[in-house]
PDB file of N, CA and C in Angstrom:
ATOM      1  N   UNK A   1     -18.732  17.776 -61.353  1.00  0.00           N
ATOM      2  CA  UNK A   1     -17.495  17.681 -62.140  1.00  0.00           C
ATOM      3  C   UNK A   1     -16.655  18.988 -62.009  1.00  0.00           C
ATOM      4  N   UNK A   2     -15.406  18.822 -61.830  1.00  0.00           N
ATOM      5  CA  UNK A   2     -14.571  19.930 -61.754  1.00  0.00           C
ATOM      6  C   UNK A   2     -13.949  20.308 -63.078  1.00  0.00           C
ATOM      7  N   UNK A   3     -13.931  21.475 -63.679  1.00  0.00           N
ATOM      8  CA  UNK A   3     -13.330  21.803 -64.902  1.00  0.00           C
ATOM      9  C   UNK A   3     -11.834  21.560 -64.912  1.00  0.00           C
ATOM     10  N   UNK A   4     -11.382  21.246 -66.088  1.00  0.00           N
ATOM     11  CA  UNK A   4      -9.909  20.909 -66.220  1.00  0.00           C
ATOM     12  C   UNK A   4      -9.140  22.169 -66.100  1.00  0.00           C
ATOM     13  N   UNK A   5      -9.668  23.360 -66.390  1.00  0.00           N
ATOM     14  CA  UNK A   5      -8.921  24.597 -66.315  1.00  0.00           C
ATOM     15  C   UNK A   5      -8.662  25.014 -64.822  1.00  0.00           C
ATOM     16  N   UNK A   6      -9.360  24.432 -63.890  1.00  0.00           N
ATOM     17  CA  UNK A   6      -9.160  24.813 -62.359  1.00  0.00           C
ATOM     18  C   UNK A   6      -7.702  24.451 -62.007  1.00  0.00           C
ATOM     19  N   UNK A   7      -7.088  25.395 -61.298  1.00  0.00           N
ATOM     20  CA  UNK A   7      -5.794  25.069 -60.588  1.00  0.00           C
ATOM     21  C   UNK A   7      -6.183  24.630 -59.179  1.00  0.00           C
ATOM     22  N   UNK A   8      -5.180  24.194 -58.461  1.00  0.00           N
ATOM     23  CA  UNK A   8      -5.428  23.651 -57.124  1.00  0.00           C
ATOM     24  C   UNK A   8      -5.967  24.731 -56.196  1.00  0.00           C
ATOM     25  N   UNK A   9      -5.515  25.907 -56.326  1.00  0.00           N
ATOM     26  CA  UNK A   9      -6.040  27.030 -55.454  1.00  0.00           C
ATOM     27  C   UNK A   9      -7.500  27.316 -55.830  1.00  0.00           C
ATOM     28  N   UNK A  10      -7.868  27.273 -57.062  1.00  0.00           N
ATOM     29  CA  UNK A  10      -9.305  27.277 -57.342  1.00  0.00           C
ATOM     30  C   UNK A  10     -10.137  26.175 -56.779  1.00  0.00           C
ATOM     31  N   UNK A  11      -9.566  24.982 -56.838  1.00  0.00           N
ATOM     32  CA  UNK A  11     -10.375  23.840 -56.232  1.00  0.00           C
ATOM     33  C   UNK A  11     -10.398  23.968 -54.737  1.00  0.00           C
ATOM     34  N   UNK A  12      -9.361  24.538 -54.094  1.00  0.00           N
ATOM     35  CA  UNK A  12      -9.470  24.724 -52.650  1.00  0.00           C
ATOM     36  C   UNK A  12     -10.598  25.910 -52.313  1.00  0.00           C
ATOM     37  N   UNK A  13     -10.599  26.842 -53.046  1.00  0.00           N
ATOM     38  CA  UNK A  13     -11.474  27.965 -52.873  1.00  0.00           C
ATOM     39  C   UNK A  13     -12.912  27.655 -53.207  1.00  0.00           C
ATOM     40  N   UNK A  14     -13.131  27.022 -54.361  1.00  0.00           N
ATOM     41  CA  UNK A  14     -14.434  26.792 -54.924  1.00  0.00           C
ATOM     42  C   UNK A  14     -15.095  25.486 -54.571  1.00  0.00           C
ATOM     43  N   UNK A  15     -14.321  24.550 -54.137  1.00  0.00           N
ATOM     44  CA  UNK A  15     -14.753  23.150 -53.864  1.00  0.00           C
ATOM     45  C   UNK A  15     -14.600  22.715 -52.409  1.00  0.00           C
ATOM     46  N   UNK A  16     -13.351  22.727 -51.954  1.00  0.00           N
ATOM     47  CA  UNK A  16     -13.061  22.209 -50.599  1.00  0.00           C
ATOM     48  C   UNK A  16     -13.614  23.136 -49.481  1.00  0.00           C
ATOM     49  N   UNK A  17     -13.498  24.347 -49.548  1.00  0.00           N
ATOM     50  CA  UNK A  17     -13.995  25.225 -48.510  1.00  0.00           C
ATOM     51  C   UNK A  17     -15.517  25.151 -48.347  1.00  0.00           C
ATOM     52  N   UNK A  18     -16.371  25.159 -49.476  1.00  0.00           N
ATOM     53  CA  UNK A  18     -17.731  25.023 -49.367  1.00  0.00           C
ATOM     54  C   UNK A  18     -18.074  23.608 -48.751  1.00  0.00           C
ATOM     55  N   UNK A  19     -17.345  22.578 -49.091  1.00  0.00           N
ATOM     56  CA  UNK A  19     -17.566  21.260 -48.566  1.00  0.00           C
ATOM     57  C   UNK A  19     -17.468  21.211 -47.016  1.00  0.00           C
ATOM     58  N   UNK A  20     -16.266  21.877 -46.575  1.00  0.00           N
ATOM     59  CA  UNK A  20     -16.032  21.922 -45.154  1.00  0.00           C
ATOM     60  C   UNK A  20     -17.008  22.676 -44.440  1.00  0.00           C
ATOM     61  N   UNK A  21     -17.561  23.723 -45.030  1.00  0.00           N
ATOM     62  CA  UNK A  21     -18.570  24.624 -44.438  1.00  0.00           C
ATOM     63  C   UNK A  21     -19.942  23.862 -44.327  1.00  0.00           C
ATOM     64  N   UNK A  22     -20.247  23.164 -45.441  1.00  0.00           N
ATOM     65  CA  UNK A  22     -21.562  22.526 -45.419  1.00  0.00           C
ATOM     66  C   UNK A  22     -21.535  21.247 -44.588  1.00  0.00           C
ATOM     67  N   UNK A  23     -20.612  20.447 -44.777  1.00  0.00           N
ATOM     68  CA  UNK A  23     -20.582  19.192 -44.113  1.00  0.00           C
ATOM     69  C   UNK A  23     -19.917  19.162 -42.746  1.00  0.00           C
ATOM     70  N   UNK A  24     -19.268  20.320 -42.387  1.00  0.00           N
ATOM     71  CA  UNK A  24     -18.632  20.406 -40.973  1.00  0.00           C
ATOM     72  C   UNK A  24     -19.632  20.156 -39.905  1.00  0.00           C
ATOM     73  N   UNK A  25     -20.812  20.619 -40.002  1.00  0.00           N
ATOM     74  CA  UNK A  25     -21.874  20.392 -39.018  1.00  0.00           C
ATOM     75  C   UNK A  25     -22.374  19.003 -38.956  1.00  0.00           C
ATOM     76  N   UNK A  26     -22.203  18.207 -39.963  1.00  0.00           N
ATOM     77  CA  UNK A  26     -22.713  16.812 -40.061  1.00  0.00           C
ATOM     78  C   UNK A  26     -21.537  15.935 -39.512  1.00  0.00           C
ATOM     79  N   UNK A  27     -20.380  16.026 -40.016  1.00  0.00           N
ATOM     80  CA  UNK A  27     -19.203  15.222 -39.730  1.00  0.00           C
ATOM     81  C   UNK A  27     -18.268  16.053 -38.697  1.00  0.00           C
ATOM     82  N   UNK A  28     -18.114  15.485 -37.527  1.00  0.00           N
ATOM     83  CA  UNK A  28     -17.324  16.072 -36.539  1.00  0.00           C
ATOM     84  C   UNK A  28     -15.807  16.059 -36.928  1.00  0.00           C
ATOM     85  N   UNK A  29     -15.114  17.242 -36.780  1.00  0.00           N
ATOM     86  CA  UNK A  29     -13.682  17.352 -37.018  1.00  0.00           C
ATOM     87  C   UNK A  29     -13.310  16.959 -38.543  1.00  0.00           C
ATOM     88  N   UNK A  30     -14.080  17.444 -39.451  1.00  0.00           N
ATOM     89  CA  UNK A  30     -13.823  17.160 -40.910  1.00  0.00           C
ATOM     90  C   UNK A  30     -12.601  17.852 -41.426  1.00  0.00           C
ATOM     91  N   UNK A  31     -11.614  17.136 -42.013  1.00  0.00           N
ATOM     92  CA  UNK A  31     -10.501  17.744 -42.702  1.00  0.00           C
ATOM     93  C   UNK A  31     -10.276  17.142 -44.006  1.00  0.00           C
ATOM     94  N   UNK A  32      -9.586  17.816 -44.826  1.00  0.00           N
ATOM     95  CA  UNK A  32      -9.229  17.347 -46.142  1.00  0.00           C
ATOM     96  C   UNK A  32      -7.752  17.390 -46.322  1.00  0.00           C
ATOM     97  N   UNK A  33      -7.147  16.237 -46.539  1.00  0.00           N
ATOM     98  CA  UNK A  33      -5.721  16.035 -46.766  1.00  0.00           C
ATOM     99  C   UNK A  33      -5.506  15.748 -48.279  1.00  0.00           C
ATOM    100  N   UNK A  34      -4.537  16.548 -48.817  1.00  0.00           N
ATOM    101  CA  UNK A  34      -4.102  16.254 -50.152  1.00  0.00           C
ATOM    102  C   UNK A  34      -2.808  15.521 -50.144  1.00  0.00           C
ATOM    103  N   UNK A  35      -2.842  14.254 -50.674  1.00  0.00           N
ATOM    104  CA  UNK A  35      -1.596  13.433 -50.661  1.00  0.00           C
ATOM    105  C   UNK A  35      -0.969  13.592 -51.914  1.00  0.00           C
ATOM    106  N   UNK A  36       0.286  13.913 -51.894  1.00  0.00           N
ATOM    107  CA  UNK A  36       1.123  14.301 -53.004  1.00  0.00           C
ATOM    108  C   UNK A  36       1.785  13.010 -53.594  1.00  0.00           C
ATOM    109  N   UNK A  37       2.156  13.038 -54.909  1.00  0.00           N
ATOM    110  CA  UNK A  37       2.864  11.813 -55.489  1.00  0.00           C
ATOM    111  C   UNK A  37       4.283  11.965 -55.061  1.00  0.00           C
ATOM    112  N   UNK A  38       5.113  10.889 -55.224  1.00  0.00           N
ATOM    113  CA  UNK A  38       6.485  10.878 -54.866  1.00  0.00           C
ATOM    114  C   UNK A  38       7.271  11.915 -55.508  1.00  0.00           C
ATOM    115  N   UNK A  39       7.042  12.082 -56.752  1.00  0.00           N
ATOM    116  CA  UNK A  39       7.793  13.059 -57.560  1.00  0.00           C
ATOM    117  C   UNK A  39       6.932  14.258 -57.966  1.00  0.00           C
ATOM    118  N   UNK A  40       7.449  15.486 -57.839  1.00  0.00           N
ATOM    119  CA  UNK A  40       6.752  16.568 -58.152  1.00  0.00           C
ATOM    120  C   UNK A  40       5.728  17.146 -57.244  1.00  0.00           C
ATOM    121  N   UNK A  41       4.855  17.979 -57.755  1.00  0.00           N
ATOM    122  CA  UNK A  41       3.830  18.630 -56.906  1.00  0.00           C
ATOM    123  C   UNK A  41       2.433  18.060 -57.182  1.00  0.00           C
ATOM    124  N   UNK A  42       2.420  17.018 -58.049  1.00  0.00           N
ATOM    125  CA  UNK A  42       1.137  16.471 -58.444  1.00  0.00           C
ATOM    126  C   UNK A  42       0.409  15.747 -57.282  1.00  0.00           C
ATOM    127  N   UNK A  43      -0.814  16.056 -57.100  1.00  0.00           N
ATOM    128  CA  UNK A  43      -1.616  15.378 -56.070  1.00  0.00           C
ATOM    129  C   UNK A  43      -2.069  14.081 -56.503  1.00  0.00           C
ATOM    130  N   UNK A  44      -1.748  13.057 -55.845  1.00  0.00           N
ATOM    131  CA  UNK A  44      -2.202  11.699 -56.152  1.00  0.00           C
ATOM    132  C   UNK A  44      -3.558  11.403 -55.805  1.00  0.00           C
ATOM    133  N   UNK A  45      -3.965  11.676 -54.614  1.00  0.00           N
ATOM    134  CA  UNK A  45      -5.308  11.502 -54.092  1.00  0.00           C
ATOM    135  C   UNK A  45      -5.600  12.476 -52.941  1.00  0.00           C
ATOM    136  N   UNK A  46      -6.980  12.540 -52.713  1.00  0.00           N
ATOM    137  CA  UNK A  46      -7.568  13.463 -51.736  1.00  0.00           C
ATOM    138  C   UNK A  46      -8.148  12.603 -50.536  1.00  0.00           C
ATOM    139  N   UNK A  47      -7.801  12.979 -49.393  1.00  0.00           N
ATOM    140  CA  UNK A  47      -8.359  12.116 -48.306  1.00  0.00           C
ATOM    141  C   UNK A  47      -9.267  12.992 -47.383  1.00  0.00           C
ATOM    142  N   UNK A  48     -10.356  12.437 -47.120  1.00  0.00           N
ATOM    143  CA  UNK A  48     -11.348  13.088 -46.153  1.00  0.00           C
ATOM    144  C   UNK A  48     -11.372  12.355 -44.914  1.00  0.00           C
ATOM    145  N   UNK A  49     -10.963  13.031 -43.740  1.00  0.00           N
ATOM    146  CA  UNK A  49     -10.977  12.424 -42.482  1.00  0.00           C
ATOM    147  C   UNK A  49     -12.006  13.158 -41.532  1.00  0.00           C
ATOM    148  N   UNK A  50     -12.675  12.379 -40.622  1.00  0.00           N
ATOM    149  CA  UNK A  50     -13.591  12.957 -39.727  1.00  0.00           C
ATOM    150  C   UNK A  50     -13.700  11.938 -38.525  1.00  0.00           C
ATOM    151  N   UNK A  51     -14.261  12.425 -37.397  1.00  0.00           N
ATOM    152  CA  UNK A  51     -14.409  11.559 -36.287  1.00  0.00           C
ATOM    153  C   UNK A  51     -15.654  10.586 -36.495  1.00  0.00           C
ATOM    154  N   UNK A  52     -15.410   9.400 -36.123  1.00  0.00           N
ATOM    155  CA  UNK A  52     -16.541   8.432 -36.244  1.00  0.00           C
ATOM    156  C   UNK A  52     -17.748   8.730 -35.437  1.00  0.00           C
ATOM    157  N   UNK A  53     -18.877   8.376 -35.838  1.00  0.00           N
ATOM    158  CA  UNK A  53     -20.129   8.534 -35.051  1.00  0.00           C
ATOM    159  C   UNK A  53     -20.182   7.371 -34.057  1.00  0.00           C
ATOM    160  N   UNK A  54     -20.521   7.772 -32.845  1.00  0.00           N
ATOM    161  CA  UNK A  54     -20.660   6.773 -31.738  1.00  0.00           C
ATOM    162  C   UNK A  54     -22.081   6.244 -31.802  1.00  0.00           C
ATOM    163  N   UNK A  55     -22.112   4.854 -31.880  1.00  0.00           N
ATOM    164  CA  UNK A  55     -23.366   4.186 -32.043  1.00  0.00           C
ATOM    165  C   UNK A  55     -23.704   3.529 -30.722  1.00  0.00           C
ATOM    166  N   UNK A  56     -25.032   3.585 -30.263  1.00  0.00           N
ATOM    167  CA  UNK A  56     -25.417   3.062 -29.004  1.00  0.00           C
ATOM    168  C   UNK A  56     -26.137   1.768 -29.344  1.00  0.00           C
ATOM    169  N   UNK A  57     -25.635   0.647 -28.778  1.00  0.00           N
ATOM    170  CA  UNK A  57     -26.221  -0.714 -29.015  1.00  0.00           C
ATOM    171  C   UNK A  57     -27.159  -1.104 -27.872  1.00  0.00           C
ATOM    172  N   UNK A  58     -26.874  -0.733 -26.621  1.00  0.00           N
ATOM    173  CA  UNK A  58     -27.658  -1.202 -25.631  1.00  0.00           C
ATOM    174  C   UNK A  58     -28.135  -0.117 -24.687  1.00  0.00           C
ATOM    175  N   UNK A  59     -28.959  -0.284 -23.636  1.00  0.00           N
ATOM    176  CA  UNK A  59     -29.549   0.723 -22.843  1.00  0.00           C
ATOM    177  C   UNK A  59     -28.454   1.103 -21.852  1.00  0.00           C
ATOM    178  N   UNK A  60     -27.397   0.406 -21.497  1.00  0.00           N
ATOM    179  CA  UNK A  60     -26.531   0.815 -20.440  1.00  0.00           C
ATOM    180  C   UNK A  60     -25.362   1.649 -21.012  1.00  0.00           C
ATOM    181  N   UNK A  61     -25.094   1.556 -22.230  1.00  0.00           N
ATOM    182  CA  UNK A  61     -23.941   2.348 -22.865  1.00  0.00           C
ATOM    183  C   UNK A  61     -24.105   3.829 -22.778  1.00  0.00           C
ATOM    184  N   UNK A  62     -25.359   4.437 -22.929  1.00  0.00           N
ATOM    185  CA  UNK A  62     -25.475   5.901 -22.788  1.00  0.00           C
ATOM    186  C   UNK A  62     -25.007   6.323 -21.360  1.00  0.00           C
ATOM    187  N   UNK A  63     -25.401   5.630 -20.396  1.00  0.00           N
ATOM    188  CA  UNK A  63     -25.047   5.948 -19.010  1.00  0.00           C
ATOM    189  C   UNK A  63     -23.520   5.911 -18.815  1.00  0.00           C
ATOM    190  N   UNK A  64     -22.856   4.997 -19.475  1.00  0.00           N
ATOM    191  CA  UNK A  64     -21.469   4.834 -19.406  1.00  0.00           C
ATOM    192  C   UNK A  64     -20.730   5.934 -20.058  1.00  0.00           C
ATOM    193  N   UNK A  65     -21.238   6.452 -21.166  1.00  0.00           N
ATOM    194  CA  UNK A  65     -20.674   7.600 -21.849  1.00  0.00           C
ATOM    195  C   UNK A  65     -20.696   8.781 -21.033  1.00  0.00           C
ATOM    196  N   UNK A  66     -21.754   8.977 -20.287  1.00  0.00           N
ATOM    197  CA  UNK A  66     -21.997  10.213 -19.472  1.00  0.00           C
ATOM    198  C   UNK A  66     -20.935  10.080 -18.320  1.00  0.00           C
ATOM    199  N   UNK A  67     -20.678   8.935 -17.756  1.00  0.00           N
ATOM    200  CA  UNK A  67     -19.794   8.856 -16.639  1.00  0.00           C
ATOM    201  C   UNK A  67     -18.336   9.182 -17.136  1.00  0.00           C
ATOM    202  N   UNK A  68     -17.957   8.630 -18.302  1.00  0.00           N
ATOM    203  CA  UNK A  68     -16.608   8.888 -18.840  1.00  0.00           C
ATOM    204  C   UNK A  68     -16.356  10.304 -18.959  1.00  0.00           C
ATOM    205  N   UNK A  69     -17.225  11.048 -19.421  1.00  0.00           N
ATOM    206  CA  UNK A  69     -17.060  12.578 -19.543  1.00  0.00           C
ATOM    207  C   UNK A  69     -16.872  13.244 -18.302  1.00  0.00           C
ATOM    208  N   UNK A  70     -17.693  12.866 -17.289  1.00  0.00           N
ATOM    209  CA  UNK A  70     -17.611  13.498 -15.976  1.00  0.00           C
ATOM    210  C   UNK A  70     -16.253  13.160 -15.351  1.00  0.00           C
ATOM    211  N   UNK A  71     -15.844  11.933 -15.498  1.00  0.00           N
ATOM    212  CA  UNK A  71     -14.593  11.518 -14.825  1.00  0.00           C
ATOM    213  C   UNK A  71     -13.370  12.177 -15.409  1.00  0.00           C
ATOM    214  N   UNK A  72     -13.456  12.596 -16.685  1.00  0.00           N
ATOM    215  CA  UNK A  72     -12.346  13.117 -17.432  1.00  0.00           C
ATOM    216  C   UNK A  72     -11.918  14.506 -16.713  1.00  0.00           C
ATOM    217  N   UNK A  73     -12.864  15.183 -16.089  1.00  0.00           N
ATOM    218  CA  UNK A  73     -12.552  16.549 -15.494  1.00  0.00           C
ATOM    219  C   UNK A  73     -12.221  16.488 -14.020  1.00  0.00           C
ATOM    220  N   UNK A  74     -12.281  15.344 -13.373  1.00  0.00           N
ATOM    221  CA  UNK A  74     -12.213  15.196 -11.981  1.00  0.00           C
ATOM    222  C   UNK A  74     -10.660  15.377 -11.644  1.00  0.00           C
ATOM    223  N   UNK A  75     -10.429  16.236 -10.681  1.00  0.00           N
ATOM    224  CA  UNK A  75      -9.062  16.450 -10.223  1.00  0.00           C
ATOM    225  C   UNK A  75      -8.910  15.709  -8.892  1.00  0.00           C
ATOM    226  N   UNK A  76      -7.821  14.955  -8.768  1.00  0.00           N
ATOM    227  CA  UNK A  76      -7.515  14.279  -7.561  1.00  0.00           C
ATOM    228  C   UNK A  76      -6.290  14.816  -6.872  1.00  0.00           C
ATOM    229  N   UNK A  77      -6.474  15.222  -5.703  1.00  0.00           N
ATOM    230  CA  UNK A  77      -5.370  15.698  -4.822  1.00  0.00           C
ATOM    231  C   UNK A  77      -5.505  15.008  -3.508  1.00  0.00           C
ATOM    232  N   UNK A  78      -4.402  14.823  -2.913  1.00  0.00           N
ATOM    233  CA  UNK A  78      -4.381  14.346  -1.546  1.00  0.00           C
ATOM    234  C   UNK A  78      -4.755  15.510  -0.524  1.00  0.00           C
ATOM    235  N   UNK A  79      -5.831  15.290   0.178  1.00  0.00           N
ATOM    236  CA  UNK A  79      -6.188  16.270   1.179  1.00  0.00           C
ATOM    237  C   UNK A  79      -5.475  16.174   2.405  1.00  0.00           C
ATOM    238  N   UNK A  80      -4.841  17.198   2.963  1.00  0.00           N
ATOM    239  CA  UNK A  80      -4.103  17.036   4.243  1.00  0.00           C
ATOM    240  C   UNK A  80      -5.148  16.732   5.368  1.00  0.00           C
ATOM    241  N   UNK A  81      -4.602  15.990   6.384  1.00  0.00           N
ATOM    242  CA  UNK A  81      -5.321  15.485   7.498  1.00  0.00           C
ATOM    243  C   UNK A  81      -6.051  16.659   8.249  1.00  0.00           C
ATOM    244  N   UNK A  82      -5.321  17.805   8.422  1.00  0.00           N
ATOM    245  CA  UNK A  82      -5.875  18.829   9.094  1.00  0.00           C
ATOM    246  C   UNK A  82      -7.083  19.482   8.512  1.00  0.00           C
ATOM    247  N   UNK A  83      -7.163  19.370   7.198  1.00  0.00           N
ATOM    248  CA  UNK A  83      -8.349  19.963   6.390  1.00  0.00           C
ATOM    249  C   UNK A  83      -9.535  19.062   6.561  1.00  0.00           C
ATOM    250  N   UNK A  84      -9.257  17.718   6.429  1.00  0.00           N
ATOM    251  CA  UNK A  84     -10.420  16.777   6.590  1.00  0.00           C
ATOM    252  C   UNK A  84     -11.081  16.907   7.909  1.00  0.00           C
ATOM    253  N   UNK A  85     -10.211  16.832   9.013  1.00  0.00           N
ATOM    254  CA  UNK A  85     -10.636  16.814  10.342  1.00  0.00           C
ATOM    255  C   UNK A  85     -10.591  18.202  10.981  1.00  0.00           C
ATOM    256  N   UNK A  86     -11.727  18.825  11.162  1.00  0.00           N
ATOM    257  CA  UNK A  86     -11.631  20.226  11.672  1.00  0.00           C
ATOM    258  C   UNK A  86     -11.195  20.299  13.136  1.00  0.00           C
ATOM    259  N   UNK A  87     -11.405  19.214  13.846  1.00  0.00           N
ATOM    260  CA  UNK A  87     -11.072  19.142  15.252  1.00  0.00           C
ATOM    261  C   UNK A  87      -9.562  18.706  15.449  1.00  0.00           C
ATOM    262  N   UNK A  88      -8.881  18.381  14.314  1.00  0.00           N
ATOM    263  CA  UNK A  88      -7.489  18.039  14.404  1.00  0.00           C
ATOM    264  C   UNK A  88      -6.638  19.266  14.904  1.00  0.00           C
ATOM    265  N   UNK A  89      -5.839  18.974  15.887  1.00  0.00           N
ATOM    266  CA  UNK A  89      -4.938  20.011  16.415  1.00  0.00           C
ATOM    267  C   UNK A  89      -3.470  19.546  16.238  1.00  0.00           C
ATOM    268  N   UNK A  90      -2.690  20.450  15.927  1.00  0.00           N
ATOM    269  CA  UNK A  90      -1.174  20.148  15.764  1.00  0.00           C
ATOM    270  C   UNK A  90      -0.672  19.642  17.162  1.00  0.00           C
ATOM    271  N   UNK A  91       0.132  18.558  17.090  1.00  0.00           N
ATOM    272  CA  UNK A  91       0.531  18.076  18.318  1.00  0.00           C
ATOM    273  C   UNK A  91       1.771  19.020  18.817  1.00  0.00           C
ATOM    274  N   UNK A  92       1.735  19.456  20.053  1.00  0.00           N
ATOM    275  CA  UNK A  92       2.830  20.289  20.555  1.00  0.00           C
ATOM    276  C   UNK A  92       3.960  19.405  20.832  1.00  0.00           C
ATOM    277  N   UNK A  93       5.140  20.025  20.567  1.00  0.00           N
ATOM    278  CA  UNK A  93       6.448  19.348  20.896  1.00  0.00           C
ATOM    279  C   UNK A  93       6.638  18.994  22.347  1.00  0.00           C
ATOM    280  N   UNK A  94       6.908  17.855  22.651  1.00  0.00           N
ATOM    281  CA  UNK A  94       7.058  17.480  24.047  1.00  0.00           C
ATOM    282  C   UNK A  94       8.486  17.654  24.546  1.00  0.00           C
ATOM    283  N   UNK A  95       9.368  17.806  23.617  1.00  0.00           N
ATOM    284  CA  UNK A  95      10.825  17.955  23.883  1.00  0.00           C
ATOM    285  C   UNK A  95      11.084  19.470  24.222  1.00  0.00           C
ATOM    286  N   UNK A  96      10.924  19.847  25.483  1.00  0.00           N
ATOM    287  CA  UNK A  96      11.176  21.225  25.953  1.00  0.00           C
ATOM    288  C   UNK A  96      12.551  21.230  26.541  1.00  0.00           C
ATOM    289  N   UNK A  97      13.464  22.041  25.980  1.00  0.00           N
ATOM    290  CA  UNK A  97      14.849  22.005  26.543  1.00  0.00           C
ATOM    291  C   UNK A  97      15.081  23.398  27.191  1.00  0.00           C
ATOM    292  N   UNK A  98      15.122  23.444  28.453  1.00  0.00           N
ATOM    293  CA  UNK A  98      15.381  24.697  29.257  1.00  0.00           C
ATOM    294  C   UNK A  98      16.716  25.287  28.913  1.00  0.00           C
ATOM    295  N   UNK A  99      17.666  24.517  28.638  1.00  0.00           N
ATOM    296  CA  UNK A  99      19.061  25.014  28.248  1.00  0.00           C
ATOM    297  C   UNK A  99      18.900  25.758  26.890  1.00  0.00           C
ATOM    298  N   UNK A 100      18.189  25.185  25.942  1.00  0.00           N
ATOM    299  CA  UNK A 100      18.142  25.806  24.617  1.00  0.00           C
ATOM    300  C   UNK A 100      17.337  27.052  24.640  1.00  0.00           C
ATOM    301  N   UNK A 101      16.335  27.144  25.511  1.00  0.00           N
ATOM    302  CA  UNK A 101      15.505  28.332  25.695  1.00  0.00           C
ATOM    303  C   UNK A 101      16.329  29.506  26.353  1.00  0.00           C
ATOM    304  N   UNK A 102      17.159  29.097  27.271  1.00  0.00           N
ATOM    305  CA  UNK A 102      18.052  30.117  27.931  1.00  0.00           C
ATOM    306  C   UNK A 102      19.051  30.752  26.899  1.00  0.00           C
ATOM    307  N   UNK A 103      19.647  29.730  26.214  1.00  0.00           N
ATOM    308  CA  UNK A 103      20.621  30.205  24.997  1.00  0.00           C
ATOM    309  C   UNK A 103      19.906  31.093  24.066  1.00  0.00           C
ATOM    310  N   UNK A 104      18.744  30.825  23.777  1.00  0.00           N
ATOM    311  CA  UNK A 104      18.069  31.618  22.783  1.00  0.00           C
ATOM    312  C   UNK A 104      17.753  33.035  23.264  1.00  0.00           C
ATOM    313  N   UNK A 105      17.420  33.117  24.556  1.00  0.00           N
ATOM    314  CA  UNK A 105      17.138  34.403  25.187  1.00  0.00           C
ATOM    315  C   UNK A 105      18.397  35.252  25.328  1.00  0.00           C
ATOM    316  N   UNK A 106      19.548  34.579  25.601  1.00  0.00           N
ATOM    317  CA  UNK A 106      20.795  35.265  25.631  1.00  0.00           C
ATOM    318  C   UNK A 106      21.281  35.733  24.334  1.00  0.00           C
ATOM    319  N   UNK A 107      21.018  34.914  23.323  1.00  0.00           N
ATOM    320  CA  UNK A 107      21.332  35.251  21.992  1.00  0.00           C
ATOM    321  C   UNK A 107      20.618  36.557  21.486  1.00  0.00           C
ATOM    322  N   UNK A 108      19.286  36.607  21.841  1.00  0.00           N
ATOM    323  CA  UNK A 108      18.410  37.759  21.441  1.00  0.00           C
ATOM    324  C   UNK A 108      18.855  39.088  22.174  1.00  0.00           C
ATOM    325  N   UNK A 109      19.214  38.857  23.485  1.00  0.00           N
ATOM    326  CA  UNK A 109      19.837  40.015  24.216  1.00  0.00           C
ATOM    327  C   UNK A 109      21.107  40.657  23.579  1.00  0.00           C
ATOM    328  N   UNK A 110      21.966  39.590  23.282  1.00  0.00           N
ATOM    329  CA  UNK A 110      23.264  39.970  22.647  1.00  0.00           C
ATOM    330  C   UNK A 110      22.967  40.619  21.259  1.00  0.00           C
ATOM    331  N   UNK A 111      22.041  40.240  20.553  1.00  0.00           N
ATOM    332  CA  UNK A 111      21.725  40.743  19.272  1.00  0.00           C
ATOM    333  C   UNK A 111      21.153  42.200  19.404  1.00  0.00           C
ATOM    334  N   UNK A 112      20.331  42.452  20.422  1.00  0.00           N
ATOM    335  CA  UNK A 112      19.854  43.767  20.610  1.00  0.00           C
ATOM    336  C   UNK A 112      20.803  44.750  21.003  1.00  0.00           C
ATOM    337  N   UNK A 113      21.888  44.250  21.861  1.00  0.00           N
ATOM    338  CA  UNK A 113      22.977  45.224  22.264  1.00  0.00           C
ATOM    339  C   UNK A 113      23.818  45.470  21.013  1.00  0.00           C
ATOM    340  N   UNK A 114      24.133  44.544  20.227  1.00  0.00           N
ATOM    341  CA  UNK A 114      25.021  44.768  19.047  1.00  0.00           C
ATOM    342  C   UNK A 114      24.310  45.564  18.010  1.00  0.00           C
ATOM    343  N   UNK A 115      23.081  45.494  17.931  1.00  0.00           N
ATOM    344  CA  UNK A 115      22.315  46.142  16.878  1.00  0.00           C
ATOM    345  C   UNK A 115      22.393  47.603  17.044  1.00  0.00           C
ATOM    346  N   UNK A 116      22.414  48.193  18.269  1.00  0.00           N
ATOM    347  CA  UNK A 116      22.408  49.638  18.407  1.00  0.00           C
ATOM    348  C   UNK A 116      23.880  50.088  18.252  1.00  0.00           C
TER     349      UNK A 116
END
C-alpha cells in the first residue's frame, strides 16, 4: 500500500523506478504510462506495458524464428555483370570513325598552340 501523503513524484521515485529496475529483466520493454483524467492533473489510472512473451507450440517454429532474424539483416543489391563474371570484358566500340579521330588530333594541336 502507498501512503496517502505521497505525492506523484514520491510515487515515481519510491515505487515505479524500483518496479522498472526489478521487473525490467523479466518483462521486455517494460514501461509505465500514467493516464490523466480529462480535467485537471489527476491521474485516472496507471498502465503497465511490455512486449509479449513468444511461446513455442511446435518443433518447427524455433527454426522459423531463427530464419526471420537472419533475414532481417540481409542486404540485397544488384551485382553488376562484370563483378559476377571475372572473365567478362568490356566490349570495344566497333564504330571507329577516322574523320572524328583526325578532328580530335587537330583540335589538340590547336589547343597546344593557343595554350602557349
